[in-house]
Every structure is written in C-alpha cells, then in structure tokens.
Amino acid sequence: MGQVDVFVNTGLLIIFILVLVLPFRVKIIERNLELFLFLCGTAALTLSGFAAIPGETTGWSARIVLESLTIPLNIATIAGIPVGIVQIVLIVGIVIYLFHPQLQDAFTRLIETVPLTVIVPSVIIILGFVSSIISAILAAIILVEIVNALPVGRRSKIELAVVACFSIGLGAGLTPIGEPLSTIVVSKLSGEPYHAGFGFLLQNLGLYIVPSVFGLGIVGLVLFRRSHTGDTLLECIIEREKLADIVVRAGKVYLFIMALIFLGEGFKPLILGYIAMIPGAGLYWINIISAVLDNATLAAAEISPALSLQQIVGALMGLMIAGGMLIPGNIPNIIAAGKLEITSAEWARTGIPIGLALMVLFFGILFVPPILGFA
C-alpha cells in the first residue's frame, strides 16, 4: 500500500470516527445533523479521489453528482412518474395538513376504543410487515403521525419510534420493493447461481425476519409498560404543522440522503479494500458500521454471486439490524427522528441496546452452529 493510500484511509477513518462521535458530544452538530453529515460526506468523497483502486472510480464524478441530486427524487417509477422519498414526505405532510380535522377525530375514537397496550405492539408489527409492500419510507411516515398523536410522554414516544423503525427496517427486507438495500441485492443475485426473483428474500430471510418483527412488538410493549407506568394520560393530538415546516422537513430529508450517498461513495476505498474481503462471521460484525453508513451502499459493495448463501444471509441481517441503532443508519430513522425531534443521544439510548442484543442473538443463530460443526 502506497503512502497516498495510507493517507486516504487514515483520513477516512478519522471522518468515520467524527461521524460516530460528534453528534453525541456537540449540541450544535446534534441540532444540525443533516448539514454535518453532508459536510463529512463531501470531505470523504473529496479525500477518496486520491485513492487508487483498480477497476474502480473514486472521488467526485458527474455520476455521483447526478445520483445525489436525483436519487432523493426518484427511487421508483409508478405509471411513468418518478417517485422519490422527498415527494412522499412532502405530499403525505400536505395531505395530513389538509385532512387534519378528520384524522384527529378518527384517531381520538381509536384511542378511546382500543387500549394503548394493544395499539403499541400492533403498530410495530403491522408497519414492519406492511413496509415490504408500501416501502419503508411510507411506513415511517405513517409511524411518526401515529406516534406523534399518542397521548403519552416523550420517552414512550421515542422508544416506540425506535423499536418500530427496527421493525420497519427488517420487514422492508422481505421484498425487493421494500427498501433500496433489498432492490440492490435481488438485482445483483438475479443471475447464476441464485436466480433471485421477487420471493428470494422472503424465502431466505423470512425465517429470521418474521419472528423478529413479532419479537420487536413484544419488546415495544415491555418498554412501553415500563416507561408509561405512572404517567398521566395526555390528550390525543395530531399536530397541524405549518406548510413551511413541511417543506423544510422535506428539504432536510433531501440533504440527508445526499449526505448518505456522499458518505457511502467516499468510504469506498475502505469498503472495497478491507470490508468486502472479510469472512462471513467477521463481515456480520463489521456491518455494524451500517449504523452510520447507508446500508444499500454497503450491500452493493459486499453482496455478489460468489458468496455462499450463509454469507449473504449473515451480511444482510447484520446490515439491517445495525441500521436501526443510530439515526443515519436507515431512512425510516431519519424520517422519524426529524419529525419527532429525537436527538442522536436519545435514539442511541434505545437503539444501541436493542441492536446489540439482536446482533448477538443472530450471530448465535447464524454462525455458532457451523462453527461447532452442527451445520
């Protein structure tokens, strides 16, 4: 490895540490997370341009600029019309604004009729599974409106949002339309030897994801009972935002996604030079970095037809689980944290323990039996 590559990798490692640490330590960064990640992504992408990777283009290019500008606005095409995260956030926000009185009445009746101890796990489980059909983005938008309206304290809302985002992030991995990660994986494995189609992810990940979504519903209920005990029931209110606030939030989501694209591309020298060469069990734990990096980018670098099915399943489970641990790890987290004004530290207090517990659990399920010679 040349001196330039050492310089690049050292610089990228420093940027990664800053992304991981500063949002918890510096209040002004915590309040302006989108801009901070955008600046770090810009620095990482610039630095990566000095790296030399055979067969790979690093650093700034017309393709990266174009993707960063268009991907937030075009993740799918429906009836010939491009649909993106920003439009969904903006349109749903306007719809909620316009139909606020009707939604308020409907939700008030729901709260009066159904116990919160039924609503909480139901929201987590239903949105987890539905996210594989309506997309993780729309599921997250529905989540934040429900959570925001619940007549409970802030701690209960934060815990519910975090657990539900874990559920959405996992559930969306059941089909190729659930999230970008699953779309990329099915595309990359569509040829020999896997011939991956629409049902590939459900067939190979469903055994792990389906029980996890139900389990997260139970975890959410336990946390809710603990944090809500002794609280005074608040009034059920669906906040009616100003139209300007709705537009600003959509703009922040746009900037956030651009930042994740820059970070993913900027860290390419580290990903291709080291991470993609690690064996399955090690790759599983290394993928904990998807807590702060775009898991779709990592999946694009790691997943290939050359991997065994066990390696593919392990890598994907690691990416999807770790993606719920911190705000930048997944699009649903970004949407929920932005609307509910959850800070990085508040998210981590719930997200890291749950994420680590799930990582340990699935490491035991996926890798310990083969190590012991049982599979």
Protein backbone atom coordinates (compact mmCIF):
# COMPACT_ATOMS: atom_id res chain seq x y z
CA MET A 1 0.00 0.00 0.00
CA GLY A 2 1.43 3.36 -1.02
CA GLN A 3 1.76 6.42 1.15
CA VAL A 4 -1.16 8.07 -0.62
CA ASP A 5 -3.47 5.16 0.18
CA VAL A 6 -2.35 5.19 3.81
CA PHE A 7 -3.09 8.91 3.94
CA VAL A 8 -6.54 8.41 2.35
CA ASN A 9 -7.53 5.51 4.58
CA THR A 10 -6.33 7.29 7.71
CA GLY A 11 -8.30 10.39 6.76
CA LEU A 12 -11.43 8.35 6.03
CA LEU A 13 -11.10 6.58 9.36
CA ILE A 14 -10.89 9.94 11.14
CA ILE A 15 -14.02 11.16 9.32
CA PHE A 16 -15.84 7.96 10.28
CA ILE A 17 -14.94 8.46 13.95
CA LEU A 18 -16.13 12.08 13.79
CA VAL A 19 -19.46 10.96 12.27
CA LEU A 20 -19.83 8.37 15.01
CA VAL A 21 -18.86 10.56 17.98
CA LEU A 22 -19.57 14.26 17.41
CA PRO A 23 -23.39 14.11 17.11
CA PHE A 24 -23.43 12.82 20.70
CA ARG A 25 -20.92 15.32 22.05
CA VAL A 26 -21.60 18.64 20.34
CA LYS A 27 -25.06 20.16 20.67
CA ILE A 28 -24.86 22.37 17.60
CA ILE A 29 -23.99 19.31 15.48
CA GLU A 30 -26.80 17.31 17.05
CA ARG A 31 -29.27 20.07 16.10
CA ASN A 32 -27.90 20.31 12.55
CA LEU A 33 -27.16 16.66 11.83
CA GLU A 34 -28.11 16.85 8.15
CA LEU A 35 -25.63 19.62 7.40
CA PHE A 36 -22.89 17.96 9.47
CA LEU A 37 -23.25 14.64 7.62
CA PHE A 38 -23.34 16.48 4.31
CA LEU A 39 -20.04 18.23 5.10
CA CYS A 40 -18.46 14.96 6.28
CA GLY A 41 -19.68 13.20 3.14
CA THR A 42 -18.23 15.97 0.98
CA ALA A 43 -14.88 15.66 2.76
CA ALA A 44 -14.85 11.86 2.48
CA LEU A 45 -15.73 11.93 -1.22
CA THR A 46 -13.02 14.51 -1.92
CA LEU A 47 -10.42 12.52 0.01
CA SER A 48 -11.33 9.25 -1.68
CA GLY A 49 -10.48 10.80 -5.04
CA PHE A 50 -6.78 10.39 -4.18
CA ALA A 51 -7.11 6.61 -3.74
CA ALA A 52 -6.12 4.19 -6.50
CA ILE A 53 -8.44 1.18 -6.75
CA PRO A 54 -8.03 -0.98 -9.89
CA GLY A 55 -11.22 -1.03 -11.93
CA GLU A 56 -12.99 1.47 -9.68
CA THR A 57 -13.64 5.20 -9.99
CA THR A 58 -13.36 7.08 -6.71
CA GLY A 59 -13.96 10.65 -5.69
CA TRP A 60 -16.10 13.23 -7.45
CA SER A 61 -17.64 12.43 -10.80
CA ALA A 62 -20.59 13.53 -12.90
CA ARG A 63 -22.32 10.24 -11.99
CA ILE A 64 -22.08 10.89 -8.22
CA VAL A 65 -23.31 14.46 -8.57
CA LEU A 66 -26.23 13.34 -10.73
CA GLU A 67 -27.15 10.49 -8.37
CA SER A 68 -27.01 12.73 -5.32
CA LEU A 69 -29.34 15.21 -6.98
CA THR A 70 -31.81 12.70 -8.43
CA ILE A 71 -31.96 9.67 -6.11
CA PRO A 72 -33.84 11.57 -3.36
CA LEU A 73 -36.42 12.42 -6.03
CA ASN A 74 -36.54 9.11 -7.89
CA ILE A 75 -36.37 5.76 -6.11
CA ALA A 76 -39.09 4.17 -8.25
CA THR A 77 -41.30 4.86 -11.25
CA ILE A 78 -45.05 4.44 -10.92
CA ALA A 79 -47.20 4.81 -14.06
CA GLY A 80 -44.27 6.54 -15.73
CA ILE A 81 -43.96 9.11 -12.95
CA PRO A 82 -40.75 9.24 -10.85
CA VAL A 83 -41.44 8.86 -7.15
CA GLY A 84 -38.87 9.70 -4.50
CA ILE A 85 -38.50 9.98 -0.77
CA VAL A 86 -38.74 13.77 -0.81
CA GLN A 87 -42.01 13.82 -2.76
CA ILE A 88 -43.54 11.20 -0.46
CA VAL A 89 -42.56 13.14 2.66
CA LEU A 90 -43.86 16.38 1.15
CA ILE A 91 -47.13 15.01 -0.26
CA VAL A 92 -48.06 12.99 2.83
CA GLY A 93 -47.29 16.02 5.01
CA ILE A 94 -49.61 18.20 2.91
CA VAL A 95 -52.37 15.55 2.93
CA ILE A 96 -52.19 15.34 6.72
CA TYR A 97 -52.30 19.14 6.87
CA LEU A 98 -55.39 19.30 4.64
CA PHE A 99 -57.31 16.49 6.36
CA HIS A 100 -56.18 17.30 9.89
CA PRO A 101 -59.68 17.54 11.48
CA GLN A 102 -60.80 14.18 10.07
CA LEU A 103 -57.60 12.45 11.14
CA GLN A 104 -57.85 14.00 14.60
CA ASP A 105 -61.40 12.69 15.07
CA ALA A 106 -60.55 9.21 13.76
CA PHE A 107 -57.50 8.84 15.97
CA THR A 108 -59.31 10.13 19.05
CA ARG A 109 -62.01 7.49 18.55
CA LEU A 110 -59.33 4.82 18.12
CA ILE A 111 -57.61 5.79 21.37
CA GLU A 112 -60.93 5.78 23.22
CA THR A 113 -61.83 2.34 21.85
CA VAL A 114 -58.57 0.36 21.77
CA PRO A 115 -56.17 0.10 24.75
CA LEU A 116 -52.70 1.57 24.24
CA THR A 117 -51.22 -1.80 25.20
CA VAL A 118 -52.83 -3.19 22.05
CA ILE A 119 -52.05 -0.22 19.81
CA VAL A 120 -48.32 -0.12 20.60
CA PRO A 121 -47.33 -3.69 19.60
CA SER A 122 -49.82 -3.64 16.72
CA VAL A 123 -48.20 -0.52 15.22
CA ILE A 124 -44.75 -2.12 15.45
CA ILE A 125 -45.79 -5.44 13.94
CA ILE A 126 -48.18 -4.22 11.24
CA LEU A 127 -45.88 -1.48 9.94
CA GLY A 128 -42.97 -3.92 9.99
CA PHE A 129 -44.71 -6.29 7.61
CA VAL A 130 -46.53 -3.64 5.54
CA SER A 131 -43.23 -1.85 4.87
CA SER A 132 -42.28 -4.67 2.49
CA ILE A 133 -45.25 -3.69 0.31
CA ILE A 134 -45.69 0.09 0.71
CA SER A 135 -41.94 0.75 1.24
CA ALA A 136 -40.06 1.59 4.42
CA ILE A 137 -40.38 5.30 3.64
CA LEU A 138 -44.16 5.44 3.62
CA ALA A 139 -44.34 3.11 6.62
CA ALA A 140 -42.07 5.50 8.54
CA ILE A 141 -44.25 8.50 7.66
CA ILE A 142 -47.35 6.69 8.91
CA LEU A 143 -45.43 5.72 12.05
CA VAL A 144 -44.45 9.25 13.01
CA GLU A 145 -48.00 10.53 12.64
CA ILE A 146 -49.30 7.76 14.90
CA VAL A 147 -46.54 8.20 17.47
CA ASN A 148 -46.87 11.97 17.44
CA ALA A 149 -50.59 11.68 18.20
CA LEU A 150 -50.36 9.14 21.02
CA PRO A 151 -51.39 10.61 24.40
CA VAL A 152 -48.18 9.54 26.15
CA GLY A 153 -44.96 11.16 27.34
CA ARG A 154 -41.87 11.87 25.24
CA ARG A 155 -39.88 8.88 26.50
CA SER A 156 -42.63 6.46 25.49
CA LYS A 157 -42.85 8.06 22.04
CA ILE A 158 -39.10 7.83 21.46
CA GLU A 159 -38.93 4.18 22.48
CA LEU A 160 -41.89 3.26 20.31
CA ALA A 161 -40.43 5.10 17.32
CA VAL A 162 -37.02 3.43 17.66
CA VAL A 163 -38.42 -0.09 18.08
CA ALA A 164 -40.84 0.41 15.20
CA CYS A 165 -38.01 1.64 12.95
CA PHE A 166 -36.10 -1.57 13.71
CA SER A 167 -39.22 -3.48 12.69
CA ILE A 168 -39.70 -1.45 9.51
CA GLY A 169 -36.04 -1.77 8.55
CA LEU A 170 -36.17 -5.56 8.92
CA GLY A 171 -39.62 -6.05 7.41
CA ALA A 172 -38.75 -3.99 4.34
CA GLY A 173 -36.04 -6.54 3.59
CA LEU A 174 -38.62 -9.21 2.73
CA THR A 175 -39.24 -7.92 -0.82
CA PRO A 176 -37.21 -6.02 -3.41
CA ILE A 177 -39.66 -3.08 -3.26
CA GLY A 178 -39.31 -2.54 0.48
CA GLU A 179 -36.07 -0.56 0.51
CA PRO A 180 -33.04 0.21 -1.71
CA LEU A 181 -30.91 -2.47 0.00
CA SER A 182 -33.30 -5.26 -0.97
CA THR A 183 -33.65 -3.91 -4.51
CA ILE A 184 -29.87 -3.93 -4.99
CA VAL A 185 -29.43 -7.43 -3.54
CA VAL A 186 -32.08 -9.03 -5.77
CA SER A 187 -30.62 -7.27 -8.81
CA LYS A 188 -27.07 -8.44 -8.05
CA LEU A 189 -28.16 -12.04 -7.43
CA SER A 190 -30.57 -12.33 -10.36
CA GLY A 191 -28.15 -14.44 -12.39
CA GLU A 192 -26.23 -17.65 -11.68
CA PRO A 193 -26.25 -19.42 -9.26
CA TYR A 194 -29.16 -17.89 -7.27
CA HIS A 195 -31.53 -16.59 -9.98
CA ALA A 196 -33.02 -14.28 -7.36
CA GLY A 197 -36.56 -13.14 -8.04
CA PHE A 198 -39.29 -11.36 -6.10
CA GLY A 199 -39.56 -14.12 -3.49
CA PHE A 200 -35.83 -14.68 -2.95
CA LEU A 201 -35.51 -12.52 0.15
CA LEU A 202 -38.69 -13.83 1.77
CA GLN A 203 -37.58 -17.41 1.13
CA ASN A 204 -34.11 -16.96 2.61
CA LEU A 205 -34.59 -14.23 5.22
CA GLY A 206 -38.22 -14.75 6.24
CA LEU A 207 -37.28 -17.42 8.79
CA TYR A 208 -35.28 -14.77 10.68
CA ILE A 209 -37.18 -11.57 9.93
CA VAL A 210 -40.78 -12.69 10.58
CA PRO A 211 -40.14 -13.83 14.20
CA SER A 212 -38.01 -10.72 14.76
CA VAL A 213 -40.87 -8.39 13.80
CA PHE A 214 -43.21 -10.17 16.24
CA GLY A 215 -40.46 -10.14 18.87
CA LEU A 216 -39.95 -6.40 18.44
CA GLY A 217 -43.69 -5.94 19.01
CA ILE A 218 -43.25 -7.63 22.39
CA VAL A 219 -40.13 -5.58 23.16
CA GLY A 220 -42.02 -2.40 22.33
CA LEU A 221 -44.87 -3.38 24.64
CA VAL A 222 -42.47 -4.16 27.51
CA LEU A 223 -40.68 -0.83 27.09
CA PHE A 224 -44.00 0.99 26.86
CA ARG A 225 -45.32 -0.59 30.06
CA ARG A 226 -42.11 0.35 31.86
CA SER A 227 -41.82 3.94 30.67
CA HIS A 228 -45.55 4.69 30.72
CA THR A 229 -46.22 3.37 34.23
CA GLY A 230 -47.46 6.17 36.47
CA ASP A 231 -47.74 8.68 33.62
CA THR A 232 -50.80 10.85 33.31
CA LEU A 233 -52.61 10.11 30.05
CA LEU A 234 -52.23 13.12 27.80
CA GLU A 235 -54.65 14.47 25.24
CA CYS A 236 -54.64 12.77 21.85
CA ILE A 237 -53.49 15.48 19.44
CA ILE A 238 -52.35 15.22 15.83
CA GLU A 239 -50.12 18.20 15.32
CA ARG A 240 -51.07 20.51 12.48
CA GLU A 241 -47.80 21.81 11.15
CA LYS A 242 -47.28 24.95 9.17
CA LEU A 243 -46.87 24.36 5.45
CA ALA A 244 -43.44 25.99 5.66
CA ASP A 245 -42.34 23.42 8.26
CA ILE A 246 -43.48 20.59 5.97
CA VAL A 247 -41.40 21.97 3.11
CA VAL A 248 -38.36 22.48 5.35
CA ARG A 249 -38.58 18.88 6.61
CA ALA A 250 -38.67 17.57 3.03
CA GLY A 251 -35.60 19.70 2.28
CA LYS A 252 -33.76 18.25 5.26
CA VAL A 253 -34.56 14.72 4.09
CA TYR A 254 -33.18 15.63 0.65
CA LEU A 255 -29.94 16.89 2.21
CA PHE A 256 -29.71 13.84 4.47
CA ILE A 257 -29.96 11.42 1.54
CA MET A 258 -27.35 13.37 -0.42
CA ALA A 259 -25.07 13.12 2.62
CA LEU A 260 -25.53 9.34 2.83
CA ILE A 261 -24.69 8.98 -0.88
CA PHE A 262 -21.53 11.04 -0.44
CA LEU A 263 -20.51 9.09 2.67
CA GLY A 264 -21.11 5.73 1.01
CA GLU A 265 -19.11 6.67 -2.08
CA GLY A 266 -16.47 8.44 -0.05
CA PHE A 267 -15.79 5.39 2.09
CA LYS A 268 -15.49 3.16 -0.97
CA PRO A 269 -11.67 2.74 -0.57
CA LEU A 270 -12.20 1.30 2.92
CA ILE A 271 -15.19 -0.81 1.88
CA LEU A 272 -13.57 -2.34 -1.20
CA GLY A 273 -10.07 -2.55 0.26
CA TYR A 274 -10.93 -4.22 3.52
CA ILE A 275 -14.57 -4.90 4.37
CA ALA A 276 -15.55 -6.89 1.28
CA MET A 277 -12.63 -9.30 1.88
CA ILE A 278 -13.66 -10.32 5.40
CA PRO A 279 -15.11 -13.83 6.00
CA GLY A 280 -18.82 -14.25 6.78
CA ALA A 281 -18.80 -14.11 10.59
CA GLY A 282 -16.40 -11.16 10.62
CA LEU A 283 -18.39 -9.42 7.91
CA TYR A 284 -21.50 -9.78 10.04
CA TRP A 285 -19.92 -7.79 12.88
CA ILE A 286 -18.13 -5.33 10.63
CA ASN A 287 -21.52 -4.47 9.16
CA ILE A 288 -22.36 -2.78 12.43
CA ILE A 289 -20.94 0.29 10.67
CA SER A 290 -24.24 0.48 8.80
CA ALA A 291 -25.44 2.27 11.94
CA VAL A 292 -23.83 5.36 10.41
CA LEU A 293 -23.43 4.46 6.73
CA ASP A 294 -26.01 3.77 4.05
CA ASN A 295 -26.67 0.01 4.19
CA ALA A 296 -27.60 -0.07 0.50
CA THR A 297 -24.10 1.15 -0.41
CA LEU A 298 -22.52 -1.49 1.80
CA ALA A 299 -24.74 -4.18 0.31
CA ALA A 300 -23.74 -3.10 -3.20
CA ALA A 301 -20.06 -3.49 -2.27
CA GLU A 302 -20.35 -6.75 -0.33
CA ILE A 303 -23.03 -8.90 -1.96
CA SER A 304 -22.10 -10.90 -5.04
CA PRO A 305 -22.99 -14.28 -6.58
CA ALA A 306 -19.58 -15.55 -5.44
CA LEU A 307 -20.71 -15.55 -1.80
CA SER A 308 -22.32 -18.57 -0.19
CA LEU A 309 -25.95 -18.30 0.85
CA GLN A 310 -24.91 -18.28 4.51
CA GLN A 311 -22.54 -15.36 3.86
CA ILE A 312 -25.28 -13.45 2.03
CA VAL A 313 -27.86 -14.03 4.76
CA GLY A 314 -25.39 -13.13 7.51
CA ALA A 315 -24.21 -9.96 5.79
CA LEU A 316 -27.78 -8.78 5.12
CA MET A 317 -29.01 -9.49 8.64
CA GLY A 318 -26.03 -7.59 10.06
CA LEU A 319 -26.72 -4.62 7.79
CA MET A 320 -30.45 -4.46 8.53
CA ILE A 321 -30.13 -4.90 12.29
CA ALA A 322 -27.32 -2.38 12.74
CA GLY A 323 -29.19 0.09 10.56
CA GLY A 324 -31.65 0.69 13.38
CA MET A 325 -29.07 1.54 16.02
CA LEU A 326 -28.41 5.19 15.14
CA ILE A 327 -30.29 7.87 13.20
CA PRO A 328 -28.15 7.85 9.99
CA GLY A 329 -28.43 4.05 9.68
CA ASN A 330 -31.71 3.92 7.81
CA ILE A 331 -34.18 6.19 6.02
CA PRO A 332 -37.06 5.41 8.46
CA ASN A 333 -34.83 6.54 11.33
CA ILE A 334 -34.12 9.82 9.58
CA ILE A 335 -37.80 10.50 8.92
CA ALA A 336 -38.89 9.58 12.46
CA ALA A 337 -36.10 11.48 14.21
CA GLY A 338 -36.72 14.57 12.10
CA LYS A 339 -40.48 14.75 12.67
CA LEU A 340 -40.38 13.76 16.34
CA GLU A 341 -37.25 15.86 17.04
CA ILE A 342 -35.36 12.91 18.53
CA THR A 343 -31.70 13.68 19.23
CA SER A 344 -28.83 11.32 18.42
CA ALA A 345 -28.28 10.58 22.10
CA GLU A 346 -31.97 9.86 22.71
CA TRP A 347 -32.08 7.48 19.78
CA ALA A 348 -28.89 5.70 20.82
CA ARG A 349 -30.13 5.09 24.38
CA THR A 350 -32.79 2.77 22.99
CA GLY A 351 -31.33 1.80 19.62
CA ILE A 352 -27.88 0.59 20.66
CA PRO A 353 -29.01 -1.89 23.38
CA ILE A 354 -31.71 -3.36 21.11
CA GLY A 355 -29.34 -3.51 18.13
CA LEU A 356 -26.53 -5.18 20.10
CA ALA A 357 -28.94 -7.72 21.61
CA LEU A 358 -30.24 -8.62 18.14
CA MET A 359 -26.70 -8.80 16.73
CA VAL A 360 -25.63 -11.25 19.46
CA LEU A 361 -28.82 -13.30 19.06
CA PHE A 362 -28.48 -13.71 15.30
CA PHE A 363 -24.74 -14.33 15.47
CA GLY A 364 -25.59 -17.30 17.68
CA ILE A 365 -28.28 -18.48 15.27
CA LEU A 366 -26.37 -17.96 12.02
CA PHE A 367 -22.73 -18.67 12.83
CA VAL A 368 -22.32 -20.63 16.06
CA PRO A 369 -23.83 -23.94 14.79
CA PRO A 370 -21.49 -24.07 11.74
CA ILE A 371 -18.52 -23.20 13.94
CA LEU A 372 -19.43 -26.09 16.27
CA GLY A 373 -19.92 -28.41 13.31
CA PHE A 374 -23.72 -28.70 13.52
CA ALA A 375 -24.40 -27.34 10.04
